[in-house]
Amino acid sequence: MTTDPRPLYTRATAQAAALIRTVRPEQLTGPTPCTEFDVRTLLSHIVGGTRRIALVGEGGDGQTVPLFVDDVDGDRWAAAYDEVRPRVLKAWAGDDRMTSPVRVPWGEIPGRAALSAYVMEIVTHTWDLSEAVGRPLPLDPELAEFSLAAAHDALPEGPRDGRPFEPALPAAEGADSYERLAAWLGRRPLGRP
């Protein structure tokens, strides 16, 4: 991909932050399209994953940061995400970060490719969360289109051994860009087979 992912990542994190602020305490135990996560676990992964992405952007080894957090008190998920968001945006702001290699779980790749994958990740988990809490806000379709292109570049259609995504599913007829992204990543909207 040749598109600079930084502005898209900034927008994607702003969209995630706005959605996280809508989550009510009684929704934390509800299911998500990411079938192994309830809402609380998904939020824990979003915050933990963002901490990891920040460290990668800073030139560190993201594998040293847990993918889930357990240091968020009660329902302070919005505050926890708002704390890490400026750090991750600063870490990826420099032009040199786009061309420098970074180490990610699947190997060493240019920063531009890594951040494009991270756009896909936060956009996908934002959709997961939106589905789980009843779609309280409209989601930016341009972010889903970019993420879908990144997903097609990064993931094969068939088996995805060693990757954190299920095989692609067919998208429903008339599916929007988020539903097509979710289907490519092996997810279905809640309440649909």
N, C-alpha and C. Protein backbone atom coordinates (compact mmCIF):
# COMPACT_ATOMS: atom_id res chain seq x y z
N MET A 1 0.85 -1.18 0.00
CA MET A 1 0.00 0.00 0.00
C MET A 1 0.89 1.25 0.00
N THR A 2 0.50 2.23 -0.77
CA THR A 2 1.29 3.45 -0.84
C THR A 2 0.66 4.60 -0.04
N THR A 3 -0.57 4.45 0.39
CA THR A 3 -1.23 5.47 1.19
C THR A 3 -0.52 5.61 2.53
N ASP A 4 -0.32 6.85 2.96
CA ASP A 4 0.26 7.10 4.27
C ASP A 4 -0.78 6.69 5.33
N PRO A 5 -0.48 5.66 6.13
CA PRO A 5 -1.48 5.20 7.09
C PRO A 5 -1.63 6.07 8.34
N ARG A 6 -0.71 7.03 8.54
CA ARG A 6 -0.76 7.81 9.79
C ARG A 6 -2.05 8.60 9.98
N PRO A 7 -2.52 9.35 8.97
CA PRO A 7 -3.79 10.07 9.18
C PRO A 7 -4.96 9.12 9.41
N LEU A 8 -4.93 7.98 8.73
CA LEU A 8 -6.00 7.01 8.91
C LEU A 8 -5.94 6.39 10.30
N TYR A 9 -4.73 6.11 10.78
CA TYR A 9 -4.61 5.56 12.13
C TYR A 9 -5.09 6.57 13.17
N THR A 10 -4.77 7.84 12.97
CA THR A 10 -5.24 8.88 13.89
C THR A 10 -6.76 8.91 13.92
N ARG A 11 -7.38 8.88 12.74
CA ARG A 11 -8.85 8.87 12.67
C ARG A 11 -9.43 7.61 13.29
N ALA A 12 -8.77 6.47 13.03
CA ALA A 12 -9.26 5.20 13.56
C ALA A 12 -9.20 5.19 15.09
N THR A 13 -8.15 5.75 15.66
CA THR A 13 -8.06 5.77 17.12
C THR A 13 -9.08 6.76 17.70
N ALA A 14 -9.34 7.86 17.00
CA ALA A 14 -10.36 8.81 17.47
C ALA A 14 -11.74 8.15 17.43
N GLN A 15 -12.01 7.39 16.38
CA GLN A 15 -13.28 6.67 16.27
C GLN A 15 -13.41 5.65 17.39
N ALA A 16 -12.33 4.91 17.65
CA ALA A 16 -12.35 3.92 18.73
C ALA A 16 -12.59 4.60 20.08
N ALA A 17 -11.89 5.70 20.32
CA ALA A 17 -12.04 6.42 21.59
C ALA A 17 -13.47 6.88 21.79
N ALA A 18 -14.08 7.42 20.75
CA ALA A 18 -15.48 7.89 20.86
C ALA A 18 -16.41 6.72 21.18
N LEU A 19 -16.18 5.59 20.55
CA LEU A 19 -17.03 4.43 20.80
C LEU A 19 -16.82 3.87 22.20
N ILE A 20 -15.58 3.79 22.63
CA ILE A 20 -15.29 3.27 23.97
C ILE A 20 -16.00 4.11 25.03
N ARG A 21 -16.10 5.42 24.81
CA ARG A 21 -16.78 6.30 25.77
C ARG A 21 -18.28 5.97 25.90
N THR A 22 -18.85 5.28 24.93
CA THR A 22 -20.29 4.95 24.99
C THR A 22 -20.57 3.67 25.77
N VAL A 23 -19.54 2.88 26.08
CA VAL A 23 -19.75 1.58 26.73
C VAL A 23 -20.22 1.78 28.17
N ARG A 24 -21.33 1.13 28.50
CA ARG A 24 -21.88 1.20 29.85
C ARG A 24 -21.42 -0.02 30.66
N PRO A 25 -21.27 0.12 31.96
CA PRO A 25 -20.79 -1.00 32.79
C PRO A 25 -21.57 -2.30 32.59
N GLU A 26 -22.87 -2.21 32.42
CA GLU A 26 -23.66 -3.43 32.26
C GLU A 26 -23.41 -4.15 30.93
N GLN A 27 -22.71 -3.48 29.99
CA GLN A 27 -22.40 -4.10 28.71
C GLN A 27 -21.09 -4.88 28.73
N LEU A 28 -20.30 -4.76 29.79
CA LEU A 28 -18.95 -5.33 29.81
C LEU A 28 -18.92 -6.85 29.71
N THR A 29 -19.97 -7.52 30.10
CA THR A 29 -19.98 -8.99 30.03
C THR A 29 -20.69 -9.50 28.78
N GLY A 30 -21.11 -8.60 27.90
CA GLY A 30 -21.82 -9.01 26.69
C GLY A 30 -20.90 -9.62 25.65
N PRO A 31 -21.47 -10.40 24.72
CA PRO A 31 -20.69 -11.04 23.67
C PRO A 31 -20.24 -10.05 22.60
N THR A 32 -19.23 -10.45 21.84
CA THR A 32 -18.75 -9.66 20.70
C THR A 32 -18.62 -10.60 19.49
N PRO A 33 -18.50 -10.06 18.29
CA PRO A 33 -18.27 -10.91 17.12
C PRO A 33 -16.92 -11.65 17.18
N CYS A 34 -16.00 -11.15 17.96
CA CYS A 34 -14.74 -11.82 18.21
C CYS A 34 -15.07 -12.84 19.30
N THR A 35 -15.48 -14.04 18.91
CA THR A 35 -16.20 -14.97 19.78
C THR A 35 -15.49 -15.33 21.07
N GLU A 36 -14.17 -15.25 21.11
CA GLU A 36 -13.48 -15.59 22.35
C GLU A 36 -13.43 -14.43 23.35
N PHE A 37 -13.96 -13.26 22.98
CA PHE A 37 -13.91 -12.08 23.85
C PHE A 37 -15.32 -11.62 24.22
N ASP A 38 -15.51 -11.29 25.51
CA ASP A 38 -16.67 -10.48 25.85
C ASP A 38 -16.23 -9.02 25.73
N VAL A 39 -17.10 -8.07 26.01
CA VAL A 39 -16.77 -6.65 25.82
C VAL A 39 -15.57 -6.26 26.68
N ARG A 40 -15.55 -6.67 27.94
CA ARG A 40 -14.43 -6.32 28.82
C ARG A 40 -13.10 -6.86 28.27
N THR A 41 -13.08 -8.10 27.81
CA THR A 41 -11.86 -8.69 27.26
C THR A 41 -11.44 -7.98 25.98
N LEU A 42 -12.41 -7.61 25.15
CA LEU A 42 -12.10 -6.87 23.94
C LEU A 42 -11.47 -5.52 24.29
N LEU A 43 -12.03 -4.81 25.27
CA LEU A 43 -11.46 -3.53 25.69
C LEU A 43 -10.05 -3.72 26.25
N SER A 44 -9.86 -4.79 27.01
CA SER A 44 -8.54 -5.10 27.56
C SER A 44 -7.53 -5.32 26.43
N HIS A 45 -7.98 -5.99 25.37
CA HIS A 45 -7.11 -6.23 24.22
C HIS A 45 -6.85 -4.94 23.44
N ILE A 46 -7.84 -4.11 23.29
CA ILE A 46 -7.64 -2.84 22.56
C ILE A 46 -6.61 -1.98 23.29
N VAL A 47 -6.74 -1.86 24.60
CA VAL A 47 -5.78 -1.06 25.37
C VAL A 47 -4.40 -1.72 25.36
N GLY A 48 -4.34 -3.01 25.64
CA GLY A 48 -3.06 -3.72 25.65
C GLY A 48 -2.39 -3.71 24.30
N GLY A 49 -3.17 -3.96 23.24
CA GLY A 49 -2.61 -3.94 21.89
C GLY A 49 -2.09 -2.57 21.51
N THR A 50 -2.77 -1.53 21.94
CA THR A 50 -2.32 -0.16 21.63
C THR A 50 -1.03 0.15 22.37
N ARG A 51 -0.90 -0.32 23.59
CA ARG A 51 0.37 -0.15 24.31
C ARG A 51 1.50 -0.84 23.55
N ARG A 52 1.21 -2.04 23.05
CA ARG A 52 2.21 -2.79 22.28
C ARG A 52 2.58 -2.05 21.00
N ILE A 53 1.57 -1.53 20.29
CA ILE A 53 1.81 -0.80 19.04
C ILE A 53 2.63 0.46 19.31
N ALA A 54 2.38 1.12 20.44
CA ALA A 54 3.17 2.30 20.80
C ALA A 54 4.64 1.92 20.96
N LEU A 55 4.91 0.84 21.66
CA LEU A 55 6.29 0.41 21.87
C LEU A 55 6.96 0.05 20.55
N VAL A 56 6.25 -0.61 19.66
CA VAL A 56 6.81 -0.93 18.33
C VAL A 56 7.16 0.37 17.60
N GLY A 57 6.27 1.34 17.64
CA GLY A 57 6.52 2.63 16.99
C GLY A 57 7.70 3.38 17.60
N GLU A 58 7.95 3.12 18.88
CA GLU A 58 9.10 3.74 19.55
C GLU A 58 10.40 2.99 19.30
N GLY A 59 10.31 1.91 18.53
CA GLY A 59 11.50 1.14 18.20
C GLY A 59 11.76 -0.02 19.14
N GLY A 60 10.83 -0.30 20.04
CA GLY A 60 11.01 -1.38 21.00
C GLY A 60 10.43 -2.69 20.52
N ASP A 61 10.54 -3.69 21.36
CA ASP A 61 10.03 -5.02 21.07
C ASP A 61 8.62 -5.14 21.64
N GLY A 62 7.63 -5.06 20.77
CA GLY A 62 6.24 -5.12 21.19
C GLY A 62 5.87 -6.41 21.88
N GLN A 63 6.62 -7.47 21.62
CA GLN A 63 6.31 -8.76 22.23
C GLN A 63 6.51 -8.73 23.75
N THR A 64 7.19 -7.72 24.25
CA THR A 64 7.41 -7.62 25.70
C THR A 64 6.21 -7.00 26.42
N VAL A 65 5.23 -6.54 25.68
CA VAL A 65 4.04 -5.91 26.26
C VAL A 65 2.87 -6.88 26.12
N PRO A 66 2.15 -7.16 27.20
CA PRO A 66 1.01 -8.07 27.11
C PRO A 66 -0.06 -7.54 26.16
N LEU A 67 -0.73 -8.46 25.47
CA LEU A 67 -1.81 -8.10 24.56
C LEU A 67 -3.10 -7.75 25.30
N PHE A 68 -3.15 -8.04 26.59
CA PHE A 68 -4.32 -7.73 27.41
C PHE A 68 -3.82 -7.01 28.66
N VAL A 69 -4.66 -6.13 29.19
CA VAL A 69 -4.28 -5.42 30.42
C VAL A 69 -5.18 -5.86 31.56
N ASP A 70 -4.63 -5.81 32.75
CA ASP A 70 -5.43 -6.11 33.94
C ASP A 70 -5.31 -5.01 34.98
N ASP A 71 -4.82 -3.85 34.54
CA ASP A 71 -4.61 -2.74 35.47
C ASP A 71 -5.61 -1.60 35.28
N VAL A 72 -6.76 -1.90 34.70
CA VAL A 72 -7.79 -0.88 34.50
C VAL A 72 -8.86 -1.09 35.57
N ASP A 73 -9.06 -0.07 36.38
CA ASP A 73 -10.03 -0.16 37.46
C ASP A 73 -11.45 0.00 36.94
N GLY A 74 -12.31 -0.91 37.37
CA GLY A 74 -13.73 -0.80 37.09
C GLY A 74 -14.04 -0.59 35.62
N ASP A 75 -14.73 0.47 35.34
CA ASP A 75 -15.15 0.76 33.97
C ASP A 75 -14.38 1.94 33.36
N ARG A 76 -13.12 2.10 33.74
CA ARG A 76 -12.31 3.25 33.27
C ARG A 76 -11.64 2.96 31.93
N TRP A 77 -12.30 2.23 31.06
CA TRP A 77 -11.71 1.85 29.78
C TRP A 77 -11.46 3.05 28.89
N ALA A 78 -12.36 4.01 28.89
CA ALA A 78 -12.16 5.20 28.05
C ALA A 78 -10.92 5.96 28.51
N ALA A 79 -10.74 6.12 29.80
CA ALA A 79 -9.56 6.82 30.33
C ALA A 79 -8.29 6.05 30.00
N ALA A 80 -8.33 4.72 30.11
CA ALA A 80 -7.14 3.91 29.81
C ALA A 80 -6.75 4.04 28.34
N TYR A 81 -7.74 4.05 27.45
CA TYR A 81 -7.43 4.20 26.03
C TYR A 81 -6.96 5.63 25.74
N ASP A 82 -7.60 6.62 26.36
CA ASP A 82 -7.18 8.01 26.16
C ASP A 82 -5.76 8.25 26.65
N GLU A 83 -5.31 7.48 27.65
CA GLU A 83 -3.94 7.62 28.14
C GLU A 83 -2.91 7.14 27.13
N VAL A 84 -3.17 6.02 26.49
CA VAL A 84 -2.18 5.44 25.58
C VAL A 84 -2.27 6.04 24.17
N ARG A 85 -3.39 6.58 23.81
CA ARG A 85 -3.58 7.09 22.44
C ARG A 85 -2.57 8.17 22.05
N PRO A 86 -2.31 9.20 22.85
CA PRO A 86 -1.30 10.19 22.44
C PRO A 86 0.10 9.57 22.27
N ARG A 87 0.41 8.61 23.12
CA ARG A 87 1.72 7.95 23.03
C ARG A 87 1.87 7.22 21.70
N VAL A 88 0.85 6.47 21.31
CA VAL A 88 0.95 5.70 20.07
C VAL A 88 0.99 6.63 18.86
N LEU A 89 0.23 7.71 18.88
CA LEU A 89 0.26 8.64 17.75
C LEU A 89 1.61 9.32 17.63
N LYS A 90 2.21 9.70 18.75
CA LYS A 90 3.54 10.31 18.74
C LYS A 90 4.59 9.31 18.23
N ALA A 91 4.48 8.07 18.66
CA ALA A 91 5.47 7.05 18.29
C ALA A 91 5.52 6.83 16.78
N TRP A 92 4.41 7.00 16.10
CA TRP A 92 4.34 6.72 14.66
C TRP A 92 4.34 8.00 13.81
N ALA A 93 4.55 9.16 14.41
CA ALA A 93 4.42 10.43 13.69
C ALA A 93 5.53 10.71 12.69
N GLY A 94 6.75 10.26 12.94
CA GLY A 94 7.88 10.62 12.10
C GLY A 94 7.91 9.92 10.75
N ASP A 95 8.38 10.64 9.73
CA ASP A 95 8.51 10.05 8.40
C ASP A 95 9.47 8.86 8.41
N ASP A 96 10.51 8.93 9.25
CA ASP A 96 11.48 7.84 9.31
C ASP A 96 10.83 6.55 9.79
N ARG A 97 9.80 6.64 10.60
CA ARG A 97 9.13 5.43 11.11
C ARG A 97 8.42 4.69 9.98
N MET A 98 8.03 5.41 8.94
CA MET A 98 7.33 4.76 7.82
C MET A 98 8.27 3.90 6.99
N THR A 99 9.53 4.27 6.92
CA THR A 99 10.48 3.53 6.08
C THR A 99 11.38 2.60 6.88
N SER A 100 11.53 2.84 8.17
CA SER A 100 12.39 1.99 9.00
C SER A 100 11.72 0.65 9.24
N PRO A 101 12.51 -0.41 9.32
CA PRO A 101 11.92 -1.71 9.65
C PRO A 101 11.52 -1.76 11.12
N VAL A 102 10.43 -2.44 11.38
CA VAL A 102 9.97 -2.68 12.75
C VAL A 102 9.72 -4.17 12.90
N ARG A 103 9.84 -4.64 14.12
CA ARG A 103 9.58 -6.06 14.40
C ARG A 103 8.17 -6.20 14.93
N VAL A 104 7.42 -7.02 14.22
CA VAL A 104 6.05 -7.33 14.60
C VAL A 104 5.95 -8.85 14.78
N PRO A 105 4.87 -9.36 15.35
CA PRO A 105 4.79 -10.79 15.61
C PRO A 105 5.02 -11.67 14.37
N TRP A 106 4.73 -11.15 13.19
CA TRP A 106 4.87 -11.96 11.98
C TRP A 106 6.16 -11.68 11.22
N GLY A 107 7.08 -10.93 11.81
CA GLY A 107 8.39 -10.71 11.17
C GLY A 107 8.83 -9.26 11.23
N GLU A 108 9.84 -8.95 10.44
CA GLU A 108 10.34 -7.58 10.34
C GLU A 108 9.85 -7.00 9.03
N ILE A 109 9.16 -5.87 9.12
CA ILE A 109 8.57 -5.24 7.94
C ILE A 109 8.74 -3.73 8.04
N PRO A 110 8.57 -3.01 6.93
CA PRO A 110 8.63 -1.54 6.99
C PRO A 110 7.51 -0.99 7.88
N GLY A 111 7.80 0.11 8.53
CA GLY A 111 6.82 0.73 9.42
C GLY A 111 5.50 1.03 8.74
N ARG A 112 5.54 1.46 7.48
CA ARG A 112 4.29 1.76 6.75
C ARG A 112 3.39 0.53 6.70
N ALA A 113 3.97 -0.63 6.41
CA ALA A 113 3.18 -1.87 6.34
C ALA A 113 2.64 -2.24 7.72
N ALA A 114 3.48 -2.07 8.74
CA ALA A 114 3.04 -2.40 10.10
C ALA A 114 1.88 -1.50 10.52
N LEU A 115 2.01 -0.19 10.30
CA LEU A 115 0.95 0.71 10.73
C LEU A 115 -0.33 0.48 9.92
N SER A 116 -0.21 0.11 8.66
CA SER A 116 -1.39 -0.23 7.87
C SER A 116 -2.12 -1.42 8.50
N ALA A 117 -1.35 -2.41 8.94
CA ALA A 117 -1.96 -3.56 9.62
C ALA A 117 -2.60 -3.13 10.94
N TYR A 118 -1.98 -2.19 11.63
CA TYR A 118 -2.54 -1.72 12.89
C TYR A 118 -3.81 -0.90 12.67
N VAL A 119 -3.91 -0.20 11.53
CA VAL A 119 -5.18 0.46 11.18
C VAL A 119 -6.25 -0.61 11.06
N MET A 120 -5.93 -1.68 10.31
CA MET A 120 -6.89 -2.76 10.12
C MET A 120 -7.32 -3.34 11.47
N GLU A 121 -6.37 -3.52 12.37
CA GLU A 121 -6.70 -4.12 13.67
C GLU A 121 -7.64 -3.24 14.48
N ILE A 122 -7.33 -1.95 14.64
CA ILE A 122 -8.18 -1.11 15.47
C ILE A 122 -9.55 -0.88 14.81
N VAL A 123 -9.58 -0.79 13.49
CA VAL A 123 -10.85 -0.61 12.80
C VAL A 123 -11.72 -1.86 12.98
N THR A 124 -11.11 -3.03 12.87
CA THR A 124 -11.86 -4.28 13.05
C THR A 124 -12.38 -4.39 14.48
N HIS A 125 -11.53 -4.12 15.46
CA HIS A 125 -11.98 -4.22 16.85
C HIS A 125 -12.99 -3.13 17.19
N THR A 126 -12.92 -1.99 16.53
CA THR A 126 -13.95 -0.97 16.73
C THR A 126 -15.29 -1.48 16.23
N TRP A 127 -15.28 -2.15 15.07
CA TRP A 127 -16.52 -2.76 14.56
C TRP A 127 -17.02 -3.82 15.54
N ASP A 128 -16.10 -4.68 16.02
CA ASP A 128 -16.50 -5.70 17.01
C ASP A 128 -17.22 -5.05 18.19
N LEU A 129 -16.61 -3.98 18.71
CA LEU A 129 -17.18 -3.30 19.87
C LEU A 129 -18.52 -2.65 19.53
N SER A 130 -18.58 -2.04 18.37
CA SER A 130 -19.83 -1.40 17.94
C SER A 130 -20.96 -2.41 17.87
N GLU A 131 -20.69 -3.55 17.29
CA GLU A 131 -21.70 -4.61 17.22
C GLU A 131 -22.13 -5.03 18.62
N ALA A 132 -21.15 -5.16 19.51
CA ALA A 132 -21.43 -5.65 20.86
C ALA A 132 -22.27 -4.70 21.70
N VAL A 133 -22.12 -3.40 21.45
CA VAL A 133 -22.85 -2.42 22.28
C VAL A 133 -24.00 -1.75 21.53
N GLY A 134 -24.42 -2.37 20.43
CA GLY A 134 -25.64 -1.90 19.76
C GLY A 134 -25.45 -0.79 18.76
N ARG A 135 -24.27 -0.63 18.21
CA ARG A 135 -24.00 0.36 17.15
C ARG A 135 -24.45 1.76 17.52
N PRO A 136 -23.90 2.32 18.60
CA PRO A 136 -24.35 3.63 19.06
C PRO A 136 -23.87 4.81 18.21
N LEU A 137 -22.83 4.61 17.40
CA LEU A 137 -22.28 5.70 16.59
C LEU A 137 -22.07 5.22 15.15
N PRO A 138 -22.21 6.12 14.18
CA PRO A 138 -21.87 5.72 12.81
C PRO A 138 -20.35 5.54 12.70
N LEU A 139 -19.93 4.57 11.90
CA LEU A 139 -18.50 4.31 11.70
C LEU A 139 -18.06 4.82 10.33
N ASP A 140 -16.83 5.29 10.25
CA ASP A 140 -16.25 5.89 9.06
C ASP A 140 -15.99 4.83 7.99
N PRO A 141 -16.72 4.85 6.87
CA PRO A 141 -16.56 3.81 5.86
C PRO A 141 -15.19 3.84 5.17
N GLU A 142 -14.55 5.01 5.07
CA GLU A 142 -13.23 5.08 4.44
C GLU A 142 -12.21 4.25 5.23
N LEU A 143 -12.33 4.26 6.54
CA LEU A 143 -11.43 3.45 7.37
C LEU A 143 -11.62 1.97 7.09
N ALA A 144 -12.86 1.55 6.90
CA ALA A 144 -13.13 0.14 6.61
C ALA A 144 -12.61 -0.23 5.23
N GLU A 145 -12.76 0.65 4.26
CA GLU A 145 -12.26 0.35 2.90
C GLU A 145 -10.74 0.20 2.90
N PHE A 146 -10.05 1.10 3.58
CA PHE A 146 -8.59 1.00 3.69
C PHE A 146 -8.20 -0.30 4.38
N SER A 147 -8.90 -0.61 5.46
CA SER A 147 -8.61 -1.81 6.24
C SER A 147 -8.89 -3.08 5.45
N LEU A 148 -9.94 -3.06 4.65
CA LEU A 148 -10.25 -4.22 3.82
C LEU A 148 -9.14 -4.45 2.79
N ALA A 149 -8.66 -3.37 2.18
CA ALA A 149 -7.54 -3.50 1.23
C ALA A 149 -6.29 -4.04 1.94
N ALA A 150 -6.01 -3.53 3.14
CA ALA A 150 -4.86 -4.01 3.91
C ALA A 150 -5.03 -5.48 4.28
N ALA A 151 -6.24 -5.88 4.62
CA ALA A 151 -6.51 -7.28 4.98
C ALA A 151 -6.32 -8.19 3.78
N HIS A 152 -6.77 -7.75 2.61
CA HIS A 152 -6.58 -8.55 1.40
C HIS A 152 -5.09 -8.68 1.06
N ASP A 153 -4.33 -7.62 1.30
CA ASP A 153 -2.88 -7.68 1.06
C ASP A 153 -2.17 -8.60 2.04
N ALA A 154 -2.62 -8.62 3.28
CA ALA A 154 -1.89 -9.31 4.34
C ALA A 154 -2.31 -10.75 4.58
N LEU A 155 -3.56 -11.07 4.26
CA LEU A 155 -4.09 -12.38 4.65
C LEU A 155 -4.57 -13.18 3.45
N PRO A 156 -4.21 -14.46 3.40
CA PRO A 156 -4.70 -15.31 2.32
C PRO A 156 -6.18 -15.60 2.50
N GLU A 157 -6.82 -16.03 1.43
CA GLU A 157 -8.24 -16.36 1.49
C GLU A 157 -8.45 -17.67 2.26
N GLY A 158 -7.53 -18.58 2.15
CA GLY A 158 -7.68 -19.90 2.77
C GLY A 158 -7.22 -19.93 4.21
N PRO A 159 -6.63 -21.06 4.63
CA PRO A 159 -6.18 -21.19 6.01
C PRO A 159 -5.19 -20.10 6.40
N ARG A 160 -5.27 -19.71 7.65
CA ARG A 160 -4.41 -18.61 8.15
C ARG A 160 -3.63 -19.09 9.36
N ASP A 161 -2.94 -20.17 9.18
CA ASP A 161 -2.18 -20.77 10.28
C ASP A 161 -1.25 -19.76 10.91
N GLY A 162 -1.30 -19.69 12.24
CA GLY A 162 -0.43 -18.80 12.98
C GLY A 162 -0.88 -17.35 12.97
N ARG A 163 -1.97 -17.05 12.34
CA ARG A 163 -2.47 -15.67 12.30
C ARG A 163 -3.72 -15.57 13.18
N PRO A 164 -3.96 -14.40 13.76
CA PRO A 164 -5.08 -14.29 14.71
C PRO A 164 -6.44 -14.07 14.05
N PHE A 165 -6.63 -14.60 12.86
CA PHE A 165 -7.90 -14.41 12.17
C PHE A 165 -8.37 -15.75 11.61
N GLU A 166 -9.67 -15.95 11.67
CA GLU A 166 -10.28 -17.15 11.10
C GLU A 166 -10.27 -17.02 9.57
N PRO A 167 -10.47 -18.14 8.85
CA PRO A 167 -10.57 -18.05 7.39
C PRO A 167 -11.72 -17.13 6.98
N ALA A 168 -11.59 -16.57 5.80
CA ALA A 168 -12.61 -15.65 5.28
C ALA A 168 -13.95 -16.36 5.14
N LEU A 169 -15.00 -15.60 5.38
CA LEU A 169 -16.37 -16.05 5.19
C LEU A 169 -16.97 -15.25 4.04
N PRO A 170 -17.99 -15.77 3.38
CA PRO A 170 -18.65 -14.95 2.37
C PRO A 170 -19.40 -13.79 3.03
N ALA A 171 -19.30 -12.63 2.43
CA ALA A 171 -20.05 -11.48 2.95
C ALA A 171 -21.49 -11.57 2.47
N ALA A 172 -22.38 -11.12 3.31
CA ALA A 172 -23.80 -11.12 2.95
C ALA A 172 -24.04 -10.18 1.78
N GLU A 173 -25.04 -10.49 0.98
CA GLU A 173 -25.39 -9.61 -0.13
C GLU A 173 -25.76 -8.24 0.42
N GLY A 174 -25.22 -7.18 -0.17
CA GLY A 174 -25.49 -5.82 0.28
C GLY A 174 -24.69 -5.41 1.50
N ALA A 175 -23.69 -6.22 1.89
CA ALA A 175 -22.89 -5.91 3.07
C ALA A 175 -22.16 -4.58 2.88
N ASP A 176 -22.08 -3.80 3.95
CA ASP A 176 -21.31 -2.56 3.89
C ASP A 176 -19.82 -2.88 4.04
N SER A 177 -19.00 -1.85 3.99
CA SER A 177 -17.55 -2.06 4.02
C SER A 177 -17.09 -2.71 5.33
N TYR A 178 -17.71 -2.38 6.43
CA TYR A 178 -17.35 -3.00 7.71
C TYR A 178 -17.73 -4.48 7.73
N GLU A 179 -18.89 -4.80 7.21
CA GLU A 179 -19.31 -6.20 7.19
C GLU A 179 -18.45 -7.02 6.22
N ARG A 180 -18.01 -6.42 5.11
CA ARG A 180 -17.10 -7.12 4.19
C ARG A 180 -15.75 -7.34 4.86
N LEU A 181 -15.25 -6.34 5.60
CA LEU A 181 -14.00 -6.49 6.34
C LEU A 181 -14.15 -7.60 7.38
N ALA A 182 -15.22 -7.57 8.13
CA ALA A 182 -15.44 -8.58 9.16
C ALA A 182 -15.49 -9.98 8.54
N ALA A 183 -16.19 -10.12 7.44
CA ALA A 183 -16.29 -11.43 6.78
C ALA A 183 -14.90 -11.90 6.31
N TRP A 184 -14.09 -11.01 5.75
CA TRP A 184 -12.75 -11.39 5.31
C TRP A 184 -11.91 -11.88 6.49
N LEU A 185 -12.18 -11.34 7.67
CA LEU A 185 -11.45 -11.71 8.87
C LEU A 185 -12.15 -12.82 9.66
N GLY A 186 -13.17 -13.45 9.05
CA GLY A 186 -13.81 -14.60 9.66
C GLY A 186 -14.84 -14.27 10.73
N ARG A 187 -15.41 -13.07 10.65
CA ARG A 187 -16.39 -12.64 11.66
C ARG A 187 -17.75 -12.43 11.01
N ARG A 188 -18.76 -12.54 11.83
CA ARG A 188 -20.14 -12.24 11.43
C ARG A 188 -20.72 -11.22 12.40
N PRO A 189 -21.63 -10.38 11.92
CA PRO A 189 -22.34 -9.51 12.87
C PRO A 189 -23.07 -10.36 13.91
N LEU A 190 -23.20 -9.84 15.12
CA LEU A 190 -23.91 -10.57 16.17
C LEU A 190 -25.34 -10.87 15.72
N GLY A 191 -25.79 -12.05 16.08
CA GLY A 191 -27.16 -12.42 15.76
C GLY A 191 -27.36 -12.94 14.35
N ARG A 192 -26.26 -13.06 13.57
CA ARG A 192 -26.39 -13.62 12.23
C ARG A 192 -25.58 -14.90 12.15
N PRO A 193 -26.10 -15.89 11.41
CA PRO A 193 -25.36 -17.15 11.28
C PRO A 193 -24.13 -17.00 10.42
